[in-house]
C-alpha atoms as a PDB file:
ATOM      1  CA  UNK A   1      -7.550  -4.749  17.492  1.00  0.00           C
ATOM      2  CA  UNK A   2      -9.108  -2.430  14.074  1.00  0.00           C
ATOM      3  CA  UNK A   3      -6.461   0.264  13.080  1.00  0.00           C
ATOM      4  CA  UNK A   4      -8.360   1.168  10.330  1.00  0.00           C
ATOM      5  CA  UNK A   5     -12.304   0.843   9.822  1.00  0.00           C
ATOM      6  CA  UNK A   6     -13.829   1.602   6.329  1.00  0.00           C
ATOM      7  CA  UNK A   7     -17.438   2.227   6.894  1.00  0.00           C
ATOM      8  CA  UNK A   8     -19.876   2.101   3.873  1.00  0.00           C
ATOM      9  CA  UNK A   9     -17.613   4.219   1.803  1.00  0.00           C
ATOM     10  CA  UNK A  10     -19.064   5.050  -1.556  1.00  0.00           C
ATOM     11  CA  UNK A  11     -17.320   7.399  -4.239  1.00  0.00           C
ATOM     12  CA  UNK A  12     -18.621   9.150  -6.982  1.00  0.00           C
ATOM     13  CA  UNK A  13     -16.707  10.763 -10.000  1.00  0.00           C
ATOM     14  CA  UNK A  14     -19.520  12.586 -11.849  1.00  0.00           C
ATOM     15  CA  UNK A  15     -21.837   9.889 -12.418  1.00  0.00           C
ATOM     16  CA  UNK A  16     -19.663   7.122 -12.021  1.00  0.00           C
ATOM     17  CA  UNK A  17     -19.464   5.392  -8.640  1.00  0.00           C
ATOM     18  CA  UNK A  18     -15.764   4.130  -8.547  1.00  0.00           C
ATOM     19  CA  UNK A  19     -16.768   2.204  -4.835  1.00  0.00           C
ATOM     20  CA  UNK A  20     -20.055   1.711  -3.293  1.00  0.00           C
ATOM     21  CA  UNK A  21     -20.520   1.027   0.448  1.00  0.00           C
ATOM     22  CA  UNK A  22     -17.551  -0.551   1.043  1.00  0.00           C
ATOM     23  CA  UNK A  23     -16.686  -1.500   4.088  1.00  0.00           C
ATOM     24  CA  UNK A  24     -13.833  -3.627   6.176  1.00  0.00           C
ATOM     25  CA  UNK A  25     -11.377  -3.688   8.657  1.00  0.00           C
ATOM     26  CA  UNK A  26      -7.879  -3.590   9.319  1.00  0.00           C
ATOM     27  CA  UNK A  27      -6.338  -5.648  12.368  1.00  0.00           C
ATOM     28  CA  UNK A  28      -3.318  -4.676  14.040  1.00  0.00           C
ATOM     29  CA  UNK A  29      -0.557  -6.862  12.864  1.00  0.00           C
ATOM     30  CA  UNK A  30      -1.852  -8.297   9.922  1.00  0.00           C
ATOM     31  CA  UNK A  31      -1.052  -8.047   6.196  1.00  0.00           C
ATOM     32  CA  UNK A  32      -4.462  -7.451   4.741  1.00  0.00           C
ATOM     33  CA  UNK A  33      -4.576  -7.996   0.598  1.00  0.00           C
ATOM     34  CA  UNK A  34      -7.178  -6.022  -1.338  1.00  0.00           C
ATOM     35  CA  UNK A  35      -7.644  -7.744  -4.922  1.00  0.00           C
ATOM     36  CA  UNK A  36      -9.821  -7.263  -7.892  1.00  0.00           C
ATOM     37  CA  UNK A  37     -10.030  -6.685 -11.914  1.00  0.00           C
ATOM     38  CA  UNK A  38      -8.558  -3.949 -13.614  1.00  0.00           C
ATOM     39  CA  UNK A  39     -11.074  -0.846 -12.610  1.00  0.00           C
ATOM     40  CA  UNK A  40     -12.125  -2.496  -9.344  1.00  0.00           C
ATOM     41  CA  UNK A  41     -11.647   0.413  -7.056  1.00  0.00           C
ATOM     42  CA  UNK A  42      -8.939  -0.716  -5.344  1.00  0.00           C
ATOM     43  CA  UNK A  43      -6.719   2.371  -5.981  1.00  0.00           C
ATOM     44  CA  UNK A  44      -9.412   4.587  -5.471  1.00  0.00           C
ATOM     45  CA  UNK A  45      -9.994   3.005  -2.127  1.00  0.00           C
ATOM     46  CA  UNK A  46      -6.340   3.973  -1.268  1.00  0.00           C
ATOM     47  CA  UNK A  47      -6.875   7.204  -2.244  1.00  0.00           C
ATOM     48  CA  UNK A  48      -9.448   7.490   0.203  1.00  0.00           C
ATOM     49  CA  UNK A  49      -8.101   5.682   3.141  1.00  0.00           C
ATOM     50  CA  UNK A  50      -4.683   8.139   2.871  1.00  0.00           C
ATOM     51  CA  UNK A  51      -6.665  11.542   2.343  1.00  0.00           C
ATOM     52  CA  UNK A  52      -6.362  12.042  -1.332  1.00  0.00           C
ATOM     53  CA  UNK A  53      -9.933  11.654  -1.857  1.00  0.00           C
ATOM     54  CA  UNK A  54     -12.736  12.663   0.333  1.00  0.00           C
ATOM     55  CA  UNK A  55     -15.468   9.723   0.061  1.00  0.00           C
ATOM     56  CA  UNK A  56     -18.924  11.211  -1.642  1.00  0.00           C
ATOM     57  CA  UNK A  57     -20.482   8.248   1.490  1.00  0.00           C
ATOM     58  CA  UNK A  58     -19.271   6.861   4.376  1.00  0.00           C
ATOM     59  CA  UNK A  59     -16.386   7.368   6.651  1.00  0.00           C
ATOM     60  CA  UNK A  60     -12.809   6.163   7.568  1.00  0.00           C
ATOM     61  CA  UNK A  61     -11.520   5.840  10.752  1.00  0.00           C
ATOM     62  CA  UNK A  62      -7.964   5.521  12.232  1.00  0.00           C
ATOM     63  CA  UNK A  63      -7.726   3.900  15.542  1.00  0.00           C
ATOM     64  CA  UNK A  64     -11.322   5.127  15.822  1.00  0.00           C
ATOM     65  CA  UNK A  65     -10.533   8.599  15.123  1.00  0.00           C
ATOM     66  CA  UNK A  66     -11.906   9.932  11.501  1.00  0.00           C
ATOM     67  CA  UNK A  67      -9.722  10.374   8.983  1.00  0.00           C
ATOM     68  CA  UNK A  68     -11.651  11.016   6.251  1.00  0.00           C
ATOM     69  CA  UNK A  69     -12.082  14.889   6.023  1.00  0.00           C
ATOM     70  CA  UNK A  70      -8.052  15.029   6.269  1.00  0.00           C
ATOM     71  CA  UNK A  71      -5.171  15.688   4.192  1.00  0.00           C
ATOM     72  CA  UNK A  72      -2.965  13.320   3.152  1.00  0.00           C
ATOM     73  CA  UNK A  73      -0.106  14.923   4.861  1.00  0.00           C
ATOM     74  CA  UNK A  74      -2.098  14.769   8.302  1.00  0.00           C
ATOM     75  CA  UNK A  75      -3.266  11.464   7.760  1.00  0.00           C
ATOM     76  CA  UNK A  76       0.486  10.359   6.932  1.00  0.00           C
ATOM     77  CA  UNK A  77       1.728  12.023  10.123  1.00  0.00           C
ATOM     78  CA  UNK A  78      -1.086  10.052  12.031  1.00  0.00           C
ATOM     79  CA  UNK A  79       1.208   7.121  11.476  1.00  0.00           C
ATOM     80  CA  UNK A  80      -0.158   5.393   7.437  1.00  0.00           C
ATOM     81  CA  UNK A  81       2.366   5.617   4.598  1.00  0.00           C
ATOM     82  CA  UNK A  82       1.295   4.616   1.216  1.00  0.00           C
ATOM     83  CA  UNK A  83       3.384   3.980  -2.148  1.00  0.00           C
ATOM     84  CA  UNK A  84       1.993   4.360  -5.100  1.00  0.00           C
ATOM     85  CA  UNK A  85       1.484   2.203  -8.214  1.00  0.00           C
ATOM     86  CA  UNK A  86       3.317   4.097 -10.713  1.00  0.00           C
ATOM     87  CA  UNK A  87       7.044   4.990  -8.519  1.00  0.00           C
ATOM     88  CA  UNK A  88       8.066   8.464  -8.666  1.00  0.00           C
ATOM     89  CA  UNK A  89      10.969   9.320  -7.038  1.00  0.00           C
ATOM     90  CA  UNK A  90      12.824  12.469  -7.149  1.00  0.00           C
ATOM     91  CA  UNK A  91      14.852  11.660  -9.879  1.00  0.00           C
ATOM     92  CA  UNK A  92      17.512  14.542  -9.624  1.00  0.00           C
ATOM     93  CA  UNK A  93      18.022  13.716  -5.824  1.00  0.00           C
ATOM     94  CA  UNK A  94      20.165  10.941  -4.685  1.00  0.00           C
ATOM     95  CA  UNK A  95      18.406   7.691  -3.367  1.00  0.00           C
ATOM     96  CA  UNK A  96      19.959   8.777   0.031  1.00  0.00           C
ATOM     97  CA  UNK A  97      18.508  12.672   0.072  1.00  0.00           C
ATOM     98  CA  UNK A  98      14.607  10.804  -1.807  1.00  0.00           C
ATOM     99  CA  UNK A  99      14.355   8.946   1.962  1.00  0.00           C
ATOM    100  CA  UNK A 100      15.524  11.827   3.917  1.00  0.00           C
ATOM    101  CA  UNK A 101      13.047  13.955   2.332  1.00  0.00           C
ATOM    102  CA  UNK A 102      10.374  11.516   3.588  1.00  0.00           C
ATOM    103  CA  UNK A 103      12.061  11.371   6.889  1.00  0.00           C
ATOM    104  CA  UNK A 104      11.747  14.733   7.545  1.00  0.00           C
ATOM    105  CA  UNK A 105       7.399  14.241   7.991  1.00  0.00           C
ATOM    106  CA  UNK A 106       9.073  13.315  11.770  1.00  0.00           C
ATOM    107  CA  UNK A 107      12.480  14.391  12.072  1.00  0.00           C
ATOM    108  CA  UNK A 108      13.318  17.755  13.928  1.00  0.00           C
ATOM    109  CA  UNK A 109      16.753  17.891  12.466  1.00  0.00           C
ATOM    110  CA  UNK A 110      18.568  16.326   9.508  1.00  0.00           C
ATOM    111  CA  UNK A 111      21.127  14.541  11.781  1.00  0.00           C
ATOM    112  CA  UNK A 112      17.968  12.474  13.088  1.00  0.00           C
ATOM    113  CA  UNK A 113      16.442  12.133   9.466  1.00  0.00           C
ATOM    114  CA  UNK A 114      19.763  10.799   8.302  1.00  0.00           C
ATOM    115  CA  UNK A 115      19.527   8.352  11.067  1.00  0.00           C
ATOM    116  CA  UNK A 116      16.441   7.117  10.432  1.00  0.00           C
ATOM    117  CA  UNK A 117      17.261   7.137   6.785  1.00  0.00           C
ATOM    118  CA  UNK A 118      20.585   4.841   7.097  1.00  0.00           C
ATOM    119  CA  UNK A 119      18.365   2.403   8.781  1.00  0.00           C
ATOM    120  CA  UNK A 120      15.660   2.130   6.486  1.00  0.00           C
ATOM    121  CA  UNK A 121      18.032   1.744   3.520  1.00  0.00           C
ATOM    122  CA  UNK A 122      20.029  -0.775   5.199  1.00  0.00           C
ATOM    123  CA  UNK A 123      16.713  -2.866   5.607  1.00  0.00           C
ATOM    124  CA  UNK A 124      15.651  -2.869   2.558  1.00  0.00           C
ATOM    125  CA  UNK A 125      19.392  -3.529   0.930  1.00  0.00           C
ATOM    126  CA  UNK A 126      19.793   0.190  -0.801  1.00  0.00           C
ATOM    127  CA  UNK A 127      22.327   1.433   1.553  1.00  0.00           C
ATOM    128  CA  UNK A 128      25.314   0.555  -1.100  1.00  0.00           C
ATOM    129  CA  UNK A 129      22.960   2.639  -4.003  1.00  0.00           C
ATOM    130  CA  UNK A 130      22.900   5.619  -1.391  1.00  0.00           C
ATOM    131  CA  UNK A 131      24.937   7.951  -3.397  1.00  0.00           C
ATOM    132  CA  UNK A 132      23.178   6.972  -7.222  1.00  0.00           C
ATOM    133  CA  UNK A 133      20.615   9.436  -8.552  1.00  0.00           C
ATOM    134  CA  UNK A 134      16.980   7.901  -8.116  1.00  0.00           C
ATOM    135  CA  UNK A 135      16.457   8.229 -11.920  1.00  0.00           C
ATOM    136  CA  UNK A 136      19.394   5.732 -12.580  1.00  0.00           C
ATOM    137  CA  UNK A 137      17.819   2.892 -10.620  1.00  0.00           C
ATOM    138  CA  UNK A 138      16.283   0.284 -12.186  1.00  0.00           C
ATOM    139  CA  UNK A 139      12.911  -0.745 -11.694  1.00  0.00           C
ATOM    140  CA  UNK A 140      13.128  -3.265  -8.869  1.00  0.00           C
ATOM    141  CA  UNK A 141      15.203  -0.986  -6.976  1.00  0.00           C
ATOM    142  CA  UNK A 142      12.966   2.121  -7.758  1.00  0.00           C
ATOM    143  CA  UNK A 143      10.529  -0.377  -6.364  1.00  0.00           C
ATOM    144  CA  UNK A 144      12.335  -0.906  -2.980  1.00  0.00           C
ATOM    145  CA  UNK A 145      12.717   3.081  -3.000  1.00  0.00           C
ATOM    146  CA  UNK A 146       9.112   3.747  -2.964  1.00  0.00           C
ATOM    147  CA  UNK A 147       8.706   1.380   0.210  1.00  0.00           C
ATOM    148  CA  UNK A 148      11.917   3.091   1.901  1.00  0.00           C
ATOM    149  CA  UNK A 149      10.286   6.482   1.432  1.00  0.00           C
ATOM    150  CA  UNK A 150       7.193   5.176   2.978  1.00  0.00           C
ATOM    151  CA  UNK A 151       9.289   3.470   5.732  1.00  0.00           C
ATOM    152  CA  UNK A 152      11.240   6.413   6.654  1.00  0.00           C
ATOM    153  CA  UNK A 153       8.176   8.620   7.546  1.00  0.00           C
ATOM    154  CA  UNK A 154       8.149   6.262  11.085  1.00  0.00           C
ATOM    155  CA  UNK A 155       4.156   4.533  10.031  1.00  0.00           C
ATOM    156  CA  UNK A 156       2.112   2.364  12.032  1.00  0.00           C
ATOM    157  CA  UNK A 157       0.429   1.139   8.659  1.00  0.00           C
ATOM    158  CA  UNK A 158       1.804   0.529   5.035  1.00  0.00           C
ATOM    159  CA  UNK A 159      -0.463   1.323   1.900  1.00  0.00           C
ATOM    160  CA  UNK A 160       1.061  -0.854  -0.666  1.00  0.00           C
ATOM    161  CA  UNK A 161       0.290  -0.127  -4.282  1.00  0.00           C
ATOM    162  CA  UNK A 162       1.256  -2.663  -6.509  1.00  0.00           C
ATOM    163  CA  UNK A 163       4.733  -3.177  -5.234  1.00  0.00           C
ATOM    164  CA  UNK A 164       5.649  -6.487  -7.230  1.00  0.00           C
ATOM    165  CA  UNK A 165       4.508  -4.941 -10.842  1.00  0.00           C
ATOM    166  CA  UNK A 166       6.538  -5.423 -13.311  1.00  0.00           C
ATOM    167  CA  UNK A 167       9.376  -7.634 -11.351  1.00  0.00           C
ATOM    168  CA  UNK A 168      11.017 -10.532 -12.473  1.00  0.00           C
ATOM    169  CA  UNK A 169      10.943 -13.855 -10.444  1.00  0.00           C
ATOM    170  CA  UNK A 170      13.965 -13.108  -8.345  1.00  0.00           C
ATOM    171  CA  UNK A 171      13.015  -9.612  -7.220  1.00  0.00           C
ATOM    172  CA  UNK A 172       9.659 -10.759  -6.520  1.00  0.00           C
ATOM    173  CA  UNK A 173      10.943 -13.151  -3.862  1.00  0.00           C
ATOM    174  CA  UNK A 174      13.416 -10.508  -2.560  1.00  0.00           C
ATOM    175  CA  UNK A 175      10.097  -7.963  -2.303  1.00  0.00           C
ATOM    176  CA  UNK A 176       8.018 -10.797  -0.447  1.00  0.00           C
ATOM    177  CA  UNK A 177      11.423 -10.825   1.825  1.00  0.00           C
ATOM    178  CA  UNK A 178      10.961  -7.374   2.508  1.00  0.00           C
ATOM    179  CA  UNK A 179       7.464  -7.013   2.852  1.00  0.00           C
ATOM    180  CA  UNK A 180       7.341 -10.130   5.488  1.00  0.00           C
ATOM    181  CA  UNK A 181      10.286  -8.163   7.402  1.00  0.00           C
ATOM    182  CA  UNK A 182       8.331  -5.139   7.465  1.00  0.00           C
ATOM    183  CA  UNK A 183       5.809  -6.969   9.625  1.00  0.00           C
ATOM    184  CA  UNK A 184       7.959  -9.150  11.947  1.00  0.00           C
ATOM    185  CA  UNK A 185      10.325  -6.822  12.525  1.00  0.00           C
ATOM    186  CA  UNK A 186       9.259  -3.508  12.281  1.00  0.00           C
ATOM    187  CA  UNK A 187       5.697  -4.318  13.431  1.00  0.00           C
ATOM    188  CA  UNK A 188       3.867  -2.047  11.120  1.00  0.00           C
ATOM    189  CA  UNK A 189       0.317  -3.227   9.789  1.00  0.00           C
ATOM    190  CA  UNK A 190      -0.177  -3.768   5.778  1.00  0.00           C
ATOM    191  CA  UNK A 191      -2.808  -3.445   3.277  1.00  0.00           C
ATOM    192  CA  UNK A 192      -1.600  -4.105  -0.284  1.00  0.00           C
ATOM    193  CA  UNK A 193      -2.948  -3.866  -3.402  1.00  0.00           C
ATOM    194  CA  UNK A 194      -1.594  -6.732  -5.936  1.00  0.00           C
ATOM    195  CA  UNK A 195      -2.212  -8.546  -8.942  1.00  0.00           C
ATOM    196  CA  UNK A 196       0.215 -11.043  -8.550  1.00  0.00           C
ATOM    197  CA  UNK A 197      -1.635 -14.182  -7.446  1.00  0.00           C
ATOM    198  CA  UNK A 198       0.656 -16.094  -6.343  1.00  0.00           C
ATOM    199  CA  UNK A 199       2.205 -13.183  -3.824  1.00  0.00           C
ATOM    200  CA  UNK A 200      -1.339 -12.134  -2.651  1.00  0.00           C
ATOM    201  CA  UNK A 201      -2.070 -15.257  -1.624  1.00  0.00           C
ATOM    202  CA  UNK A 202       1.310 -16.435   0.219  1.00  0.00           C
ATOM    203  CA  UNK A 203       1.545 -13.119   2.537  1.00  0.00           C
ATOM    204  CA  UNK A 204      -1.600 -12.254   2.750  1.00  0.00           C
ATOM    205  CA  UNK A 205      -4.044 -13.386   6.139  1.00  0.00           C
ATOM    206  CA  UNK A 206      -7.020 -12.074   4.877  1.00  0.00           C
ATOM    207  CA  UNK A 207      -8.166 -10.825   1.229  1.00  0.00           C
ATOM    208  CA  UNK A 208     -10.900  -8.467   0.628  1.00  0.00           C
ATOM    209  CA  UNK A 209     -12.206  -8.739  -3.379  1.00  0.00           C
ATOM    210  CA  UNK A 210     -13.700  -5.386  -4.987  1.00  0.00           C
ATOM    211  CA  UNK A 211     -15.049  -5.807  -8.477  1.00  0.00           C
ATOM    212  CA  UNK A 212     -16.939  -2.777 -10.112  1.00  0.00           C
ATOM    213  CA  UNK A 213     -16.640  -0.576  -6.883  1.00  0.00           C
ATOM    214  CA  UNK A 214     -18.029  -3.209  -4.671  1.00  0.00           C
ATOM    215  CA  UNK A 215     -17.025  -6.201  -1.874  1.00  0.00           C
ATOM    216  CA  UNK A 216     -18.117  -9.315  -3.388  1.00  0.00           C
ATOM    217  CA  UNK A 217     -16.001 -11.673  -0.742  1.00  0.00           C
ATOM    218  CA  UNK A 218     -13.969 -11.409   2.374  1.00  0.00           C
ATOM    219  CA  UNK A 219     -12.046 -14.097   3.935  1.00  0.00           C
ATOM    220  CA  UNK A 220      -8.242 -16.327   4.200  1.00  0.00           C
ATOM    221  CA  UNK A 221      -6.948 -16.697   1.441  1.00  0.00           C
ATOM    222  CA  UNK A 222      -7.916 -20.530   1.110  1.00  0.00           C
ATOM    223  CA  UNK A 223     -11.442 -18.716   1.013  1.00  0.00           C
ATOM    224  CA  UNK A 224     -11.137 -16.466  -1.127  1.00  0.00           C
ATOM    225  CA  UNK A 225      -9.765 -19.063  -3.567  1.00  0.00           C
ATOM    226  CA  UNK A 226     -12.387 -21.482  -3.888  1.00  0.00           C
ATOM    227  CA  UNK A 227     -15.014 -18.670  -3.753  1.00  0.00           C
ATOM    228  CA  UNK A 228     -17.055 -19.144  -7.192  1.00  0.00           C
ATOM    229  CA  UNK A 229     -18.028 -15.136  -7.260  1.00  0.00           C
ATOM    230  CA  UNK A 230     -13.949 -13.974  -6.944  1.00  0.00           C
ATOM    231  CA  UNK A 231     -13.224 -17.021  -9.810  1.00  0.00           C
ATOM    232  CA  UNK A 232     -16.003 -15.672 -12.623  1.00  0.00           C
ATOM    233  CA  UNK A 233     -14.382 -12.188 -11.952  1.00  0.00           C
ATOM    234  CA  UNK A 234     -10.981 -13.177 -12.477  1.00  0.00           C
ATOM    235  CA  UNK A 235     -12.373 -15.437 -15.328  1.00  0.00           C
ATOM    236  CA  UNK A 236     -14.425 -12.519 -16.533  1.00  0.00           C
ATOM    237  CA  UNK A 237     -11.483 -10.491 -16.611  1.00  0.00           C
ATOM    238  CA  UNK A 238      -9.055 -13.288 -18.711  1.00  0.00           C
ATOM    239  CA  UNK A 239     -11.820 -13.684 -21.505  1.00  0.00           C
ATOM    240  CA  UNK A 240     -11.875 -10.133 -21.308  1.00  0.00           C
ATOM    241  CA  UNK A 241      -8.546  -9.601 -22.194  1.00  0.00           C
END
């Protein structure tokens, strides 16, 4: 069953096409990787899916309901949460209060918001840090707090934007474990942007590849790893670095 359907989405900024005629489905219960070289249009696609941008052409559907004309808070209330590549916690607030603020999108009162938040903090391993001001957290825990804030909205789908960027090998392994638990224990479907190929190949059921705003491949990690167009796109990025 498709939870998200992206149909022929084009997004232009002036004369520049950031996305051109991109289509794919996100199926219930899967982890779908979205990869591509820098500037391929990955975060733009996230911004279209969750309502930050309206597509120039094409449509996005969530459970057959058109969401590409909705605002981000409305999309979130429906059940689509996201994290951001550059983490921006509410720095002067504690870890707990950051999560409570997100929980209020569904919680009817503070007690309910706190209950949800305590559960999320235990789940993400941040419970012992709950009284710390978020600006005092190291990057690895700030990345986890970003995930915790998204989880507190009690979503059916999570869009994870480079949740592994800047982490050391130990933190990467901890984050992989959390992402897998989000699917296995919470039953949440995941669309993830990631540059770490080891990560994306190990956790994704399927992968969609963008290059210059166009979809150039879609398939299992094994199929994507052997795809000549994908290899060429990534080699081109390395040679241009």
